[in-house]
Amino acid sequence: MTDQSEVYQIDAVGLVCPLPILRFKKRIRDLPSGTEVEFLADDPSGRKDLQALCEITGHQVKWIREENAGVLRYRIRLA
């Protein structure tokens, strides 16, 4: 049984479009379905881009929280 408290984290703070989404796609490539991922980014277009990617791939955006200095923290469950 997998421990649900384990979350894979991807930090894309400081990267600008399209690099945050490219980093996300590369880092999740070998992760199993159902993995919980926290993705951190501060790119202004990142929110829309990540939501579009999740719609296409079937990943679920569970929540989005704003951190300090404009950083957004996303919790995503991989399809």
Protein backbone atom coordinates (compact mmCIF):
# COMPACT_ATOMS: atom_id res chain seq x y z
CA MET A 1 0.00 0.00 0.00
CA THR A 2 1.29 3.46 -0.91
CA ASP A 3 1.57 6.07 1.83
CA GLN A 4 -0.80 8.85 0.72
CA SER A 5 1.21 11.42 2.71
CA GLU A 6 4.10 11.10 0.23
CA VAL A 7 3.98 13.85 -2.37
CA TYR A 8 6.38 14.30 -5.27
CA GLN A 9 7.48 17.94 -5.54
CA ILE A 10 8.49 19.83 -8.68
CA ASP A 11 9.96 23.33 -8.32
CA ALA A 12 9.69 25.57 -11.39
CA VAL A 13 9.97 28.91 -9.57
CA GLY A 14 11.91 31.44 -11.64
CA LEU A 15 11.23 29.72 -14.95
CA VAL A 16 9.14 31.39 -17.64
CA CYS A 17 6.82 29.93 -20.26
CA PRO A 18 7.12 27.30 -21.64
CA LEU A 19 9.79 25.99 -19.23
CA PRO A 20 7.55 25.35 -16.17
CA ILE A 21 5.21 23.08 -18.14
CA LEU A 22 8.12 21.35 -19.89
CA ARG A 23 9.73 20.66 -16.49
CA PHE A 24 6.43 19.31 -15.14
CA LYS A 25 5.97 16.99 -18.13
CA LYS A 26 9.55 15.71 -17.94
CA ARG A 27 9.50 15.05 -14.19
CA ILE A 28 6.17 13.19 -14.16
CA ARG A 29 6.99 11.00 -17.16
CA ASP A 30 7.91 7.90 -15.11
CA LEU A 31 5.58 8.46 -12.16
CA PRO A 32 2.69 6.03 -11.72
CA SER A 33 -0.96 6.95 -12.08
CA GLY A 34 -2.42 8.26 -8.84
CA THR A 35 0.80 9.95 -7.71
CA GLU A 36 0.24 13.21 -5.85
CA VAL A 37 2.44 16.01 -7.18
CA GLU A 38 3.04 19.47 -5.74
CA PHE A 39 4.12 21.87 -8.44
CA LEU A 40 5.52 25.30 -7.56
CA ALA A 41 5.69 28.05 -10.17
CA ASP A 42 5.60 31.82 -10.38
CA ASP A 43 5.15 32.28 -14.13
CA PRO A 44 2.02 34.43 -14.71
CA SER A 45 0.77 32.21 -17.56
CA GLY A 46 1.56 29.01 -15.69
CA ARG A 47 -1.85 28.58 -14.10
CA LYS A 48 -3.71 28.60 -17.41
CA ASP A 49 -1.08 26.43 -19.09
CA LEU A 50 -1.07 23.81 -16.32
CA GLN A 51 -4.86 23.64 -16.20
CA ALA A 52 -4.98 23.16 -19.98
CA LEU A 53 -2.37 20.40 -19.78
CA CYS A 54 -4.35 18.65 -17.05
CA GLU A 55 -7.56 18.82 -19.10
CA ILE A 56 -5.77 17.23 -22.05
CA THR A 57 -4.02 14.50 -20.04
CA GLY A 58 -6.72 13.75 -17.47
CA HIS A 59 -4.63 14.81 -14.47
CA GLN A 60 -6.70 16.30 -11.65
CA VAL A 61 -5.88 19.71 -10.16
CA LYS A 62 -6.93 19.16 -6.54
CA TRP A 63 -6.12 22.66 -5.31
CA ILE A 64 -4.09 25.80 -5.97
CA ARG A 65 -2.68 27.99 -3.21
CA GLU A 66 -0.82 31.26 -3.40
CA GLU A 67 2.44 31.28 -1.46
CA ASN A 68 4.77 34.20 -0.79
CA ALA A 69 6.08 36.42 -3.59
CA GLY A 70 3.54 35.32 -6.19
CA VAL A 71 4.46 31.63 -6.09
CA LEU A 72 1.57 29.28 -6.73
CA ARG A 73 1.53 25.78 -5.22
CA TYR A 74 -0.56 23.25 -7.14
CA ARG A 75 -1.58 19.81 -5.92
CA ILE A 76 -2.15 17.47 -8.84
CA ARG A 77 -3.15 13.82 -8.96
CA LEU A 78 -1.74 12.11 -12.01
CA ALA A 79 -4.08 10.17 -14.28
